[in-house]
Amino acid sequence: MKKHIALIAIAAAALIAAPATIHAQATTATNSPATTAPAKKHGLPLKGKVTAVDATAMTVTVGTKTYNVTSDTKITKDGQPATLADVTVGATVGITYKKDDAGKLTATAIHMGAKKKKTE
């Protein structure tokens, strides 16, 4: 009789613990890093000489890499707003860009000349 009571107690304990174990596994699986959204990509900085400008294709080549210029690209010259037409071959530029999953490089900012001096 004592054996039967012990077996029933073990079976009851297993039944009570099983849902908690399954729930813990399900919670762990849903919180895994693989299911989280990818992190936002921040712009990468670069400084170099412009080797080509293509106003038709809306691209600027710095060194050997070509960057797409969009309407969102902020272009400045000596701290003042500028356009793609102001970017010249041979100019030293600071460029901030993003690289998408396909490897396409898009300029987010292009800075030429001296930075705008802060007024106190």
C-alpha atoms as a PDB file:
ATOM      1  CA  MET A   1       0.000   0.000   0.000  1.00  0.00           C
ATOM      2  CA  LYS A   2       2.819   2.414   0.836  1.00  0.00           C
ATOM      3  CA  LYS A   3       4.355   1.702  -2.600  1.00  0.00           C
ATOM      4  CA  HIS A   4       1.109   2.685  -4.350  1.00  0.00           C
ATOM      5  CA  ILE A   5       0.847   5.941  -2.413  1.00  0.00           C
ATOM      6  CA  ALA A   6       4.483   6.765  -3.212  1.00  0.00           C
ATOM      7  CA  LEU A   7       3.916   6.055  -6.946  1.00  0.00           C
ATOM      8  CA  ILE A   8       0.772   8.195  -6.999  1.00  0.00           C
ATOM      9  CA  ALA A   9       2.629  11.039  -5.237  1.00  0.00           C
ATOM     10  CA  ILE A  10       5.488  10.872  -7.771  1.00  0.00           C
ATOM     11  CA  ALA A  11       3.048  10.816 -10.701  1.00  0.00           C
ATOM     12  CA  ALA A  12       1.122  13.783  -9.280  1.00  0.00           C
ATOM     13  CA  ALA A  13       4.337  15.756  -8.755  1.00  0.00           C
ATOM     14  CA  ALA A  14       5.402  15.034 -12.353  1.00  0.00           C
ATOM     15  CA  LEU A  15       2.043  16.200 -13.705  1.00  0.00           C
ATOM     16  CA  ILE A  16       2.194  19.400 -11.680  1.00  0.00           C
ATOM     17  CA  ALA A  17       5.790  20.183 -12.736  1.00  0.00           C
ATOM     18  CA  ALA A  18       5.351  19.367 -16.453  1.00  0.00           C
ATOM     19  CA  PRO A  19       3.353  22.477 -17.450  1.00  0.00           C
ATOM     20  CA  ALA A  20       5.825  24.749 -15.661  1.00  0.00           C
ATOM     21  CA  THR A  21       8.748  23.136 -17.504  1.00  0.00           C
ATOM     22  CA  ILE A  22       7.010  23.426 -20.875  1.00  0.00           C
ATOM     23  CA  HIS A  23       6.113  27.070 -20.193  1.00  0.00           C
ATOM     24  CA  ALA A  24       9.723  27.861 -19.227  1.00  0.00           C
ATOM     25  CA  GLN A  25      10.994  26.326 -22.480  1.00  0.00           C
ATOM     26  CA  ALA A  26       8.451  28.264 -24.549  1.00  0.00           C
ATOM     27  CA  THR A  27       9.361  31.538 -22.820  1.00  0.00           C
ATOM     28  CA  THR A  28      13.079  30.967 -23.416  1.00  0.00           C
ATOM     29  CA  ALA A  29      12.488  30.238 -27.094  1.00  0.00           C
ATOM     30  CA  THR A  30      10.515  33.443 -27.661  1.00  0.00           C
ATOM     31  CA  ASN A  31      13.136  35.603 -25.937  1.00  0.00           C
ATOM     32  CA  SER A  32      16.058  34.323 -27.995  1.00  0.00           C
ATOM     33  CA  PRO A  33      18.181  36.874 -29.908  1.00  0.00           C
ATOM     34  CA  ALA A  34      17.327  35.234 -33.239  1.00  0.00           C
ATOM     35  CA  THR A  35      13.735  36.463 -32.985  1.00  0.00           C
ATOM     36  CA  THR A  36      14.554  40.074 -32.108  1.00  0.00           C
ATOM     37  CA  ALA A  37      14.467  42.818 -34.728  1.00  0.00           C
ATOM     38  CA  PRO A  38      17.807  43.674 -36.338  1.00  0.00           C
ATOM     39  CA  ALA A  39      19.639  46.651 -34.905  1.00  0.00           C
ATOM     40  CA  LYS A  40      19.570  49.907 -36.837  1.00  0.00           C
ATOM     41  CA  LYS A  41      22.671  50.535 -38.863  1.00  0.00           C
ATOM     42  CA  HIS A  42      24.452  53.782 -38.098  1.00  0.00           C
ATOM     43  CA  GLY A  43      26.407  55.765 -40.662  1.00  0.00           C
ATOM     44  CA  LEU A  44      30.039  54.913 -41.174  1.00  0.00           C
ATOM     45  CA  PRO A  45      32.534  57.780 -41.513  1.00  0.00           C
ATOM     46  CA  LEU A  46      35.206  58.104 -44.203  1.00  0.00           C
ATOM     47  CA  LYS A  47      37.619  60.815 -45.315  1.00  0.00           C
ATOM     48  CA  GLY A  48      39.273  60.898 -48.715  1.00  0.00           C
ATOM     49  CA  LYS A  49      39.694  62.523 -52.132  1.00  0.00           C
ATOM     50  CA  VAL A  50      36.907  62.609 -54.685  1.00  0.00           C
ATOM     51  CA  THR A  51      37.983  60.691 -57.802  1.00  0.00           C
ATOM     52  CA  ALA A  52      34.711  61.038 -59.761  1.00  0.00           C
ATOM     53  CA  VAL A  53      31.344  62.785 -59.664  1.00  0.00           C
ATOM     54  CA  ASP A  54      28.420  61.649 -61.830  1.00  0.00           C
ATOM     55  CA  ALA A  55      25.512  64.095 -61.581  1.00  0.00           C
ATOM     56  CA  THR A  56      23.364  61.982 -63.927  1.00  0.00           C
ATOM     57  CA  ALA A  57      23.776  58.779 -61.910  1.00  0.00           C
ATOM     58  CA  MET A  58      23.808  60.785 -58.636  1.00  0.00           C
ATOM     59  CA  THR A  59      27.058  59.204 -57.412  1.00  0.00           C
ATOM     60  CA  VAL A  60      30.322  60.340 -55.864  1.00  0.00           C
ATOM     61  CA  THR A  61      33.434  58.175 -55.974  1.00  0.00           C
ATOM     62  CA  VAL A  62      35.925  58.548 -53.136  1.00  0.00           C
ATOM     63  CA  GLY A  63      39.050  56.506 -53.728  1.00  0.00           C
ATOM     64  CA  THR A  64      37.759  53.340 -55.386  1.00  0.00           C
ATOM     65  CA  LYS A  65      34.301  53.204 -53.792  1.00  0.00           C
ATOM     66  CA  THR A  66      31.206  54.764 -55.297  1.00  0.00           C
ATOM     67  CA  TYR A  67      28.480  56.200 -53.069  1.00  0.00           C
ATOM     68  CA  ASN A  68      24.909  56.922 -54.152  1.00  0.00           C
ATOM     69  CA  VAL A  69      23.643  60.418 -53.411  1.00  0.00           C
ATOM     70  CA  THR A  70      19.938  60.806 -52.594  1.00  0.00           C
ATOM     71  CA  SER A  71      17.669  63.731 -51.854  1.00  0.00           C
ATOM     72  CA  ASP A  72      18.233  62.931 -48.161  1.00  0.00           C
ATOM     73  CA  THR A  73      22.035  63.280 -48.431  1.00  0.00           C
ATOM     74  CA  LYS A  74      23.173  66.404 -46.551  1.00  0.00           C
ATOM     75  CA  ILE A  75      25.935  68.152 -48.515  1.00  0.00           C
ATOM     76  CA  THR A  76      27.905  71.041 -46.996  1.00  0.00           C
ATOM     77  CA  LYS A  77      30.855  73.166 -48.131  1.00  0.00           C
ATOM     78  CA  ASP A  78      32.710  75.264 -45.556  1.00  0.00           C
ATOM     79  CA  GLY A  79      29.832  74.676 -43.142  1.00  0.00           C
ATOM     80  CA  GLN A  80      27.188  76.010 -45.568  1.00  0.00           C
ATOM     81  CA  PRO A  81      24.544  73.993 -47.450  1.00  0.00           C
ATOM     82  CA  ALA A  82      25.747  72.832 -50.870  1.00  0.00           C
ATOM     83  CA  THR A  83      24.665  70.610 -53.763  1.00  0.00           C
ATOM     84  CA  LEU A  84      26.171  67.728 -55.712  1.00  0.00           C
ATOM     85  CA  ALA A  85      27.298  70.267 -58.326  1.00  0.00           C
ATOM     86  CA  ASP A  86      29.593  71.784 -55.657  1.00  0.00           C
ATOM     87  CA  VAL A  87      31.458  68.488 -55.192  1.00  0.00           C
ATOM     88  CA  THR A  88      34.585  68.510 -57.385  1.00  0.00           C
ATOM     89  CA  VAL A  89      37.122  65.885 -58.381  1.00  0.00           C
ATOM     90  CA  GLY A  90      40.243  66.192 -56.219  1.00  0.00           C
ATOM     91  CA  ALA A  91      38.409  67.736 -53.276  1.00  0.00           C
ATOM     92  CA  THR A  92      38.981  66.196 -49.868  1.00  0.00           C
ATOM     93  CA  VAL A  93      35.659  65.211 -48.333  1.00  0.00           C
ATOM     94  CA  GLY A  94      34.335  63.687 -45.180  1.00  0.00           C
ATOM     95  CA  ILE A  95      31.533  61.309 -46.015  1.00  0.00           C
ATOM     96  CA  THR A  96      29.110  59.395 -43.832  1.00  0.00           C
ATOM     97  CA  TYR A  97      27.448  56.446 -45.498  1.00  0.00           C
ATOM     98  CA  LYS A  98      25.304  53.392 -44.943  1.00  0.00           C
ATOM     99  CA  LYS A  99      25.750  49.985 -46.507  1.00  0.00           C
ATOM    100  CA  ASP A 100      22.601  47.955 -47.144  1.00  0.00           C
ATOM    101  CA  ASP A 101      22.314  44.157 -47.138  1.00  0.00           C
ATOM    102  CA  ALA A 102      22.966  44.058 -50.905  1.00  0.00           C
ATOM    103  CA  GLY A 103      26.248  45.967 -50.443  1.00  0.00           C
ATOM    104  CA  LYS A 104      24.954  49.264 -51.913  1.00  0.00           C
ATOM    105  CA  LEU A 105      26.672  52.320 -50.387  1.00  0.00           C
ATOM    106  CA  THR A 106      24.505  55.395 -49.838  1.00  0.00           C
ATOM    107  CA  ALA A 107      25.939  58.703 -48.658  1.00  0.00           C
ATOM    108  CA  THR A 108      24.012  60.230 -45.782  1.00  0.00           C
ATOM    109  CA  ALA A 109      26.295  63.289 -45.516  1.00  0.00           C
ATOM    110  CA  ILE A 110      29.138  64.815 -47.527  1.00  0.00           C
ATOM    111  CA  HIS A 111      31.252  67.592 -45.970  1.00  0.00           C
ATOM    112  CA  MET A 112      33.806  69.662 -47.905  1.00  0.00           C
ATOM    113  CA  GLY A 113      36.152  72.367 -46.636  1.00  0.00           C
ATOM    114  CA  ALA A 114      36.325  73.766 -43.147  1.00  0.00           C
ATOM    115  CA  LYS A 115      33.602  73.204 -40.621  1.00  0.00           C
ATOM    116  CA  LYS A 116      31.355  76.101 -39.708  1.00  0.00           C
ATOM    117  CA  LYS A 117      32.814  77.936 -36.723  1.00  0.00           C
ATOM    118  CA  LYS A 118      30.631  78.060 -33.649  1.00  0.00           C
ATOM    119  CA  THR A 119      29.696  81.504 -32.466  1.00  0.00           C
ATOM    120  CA  GLU A 120      29.861  82.123 -28.767  1.00  0.00           C
END
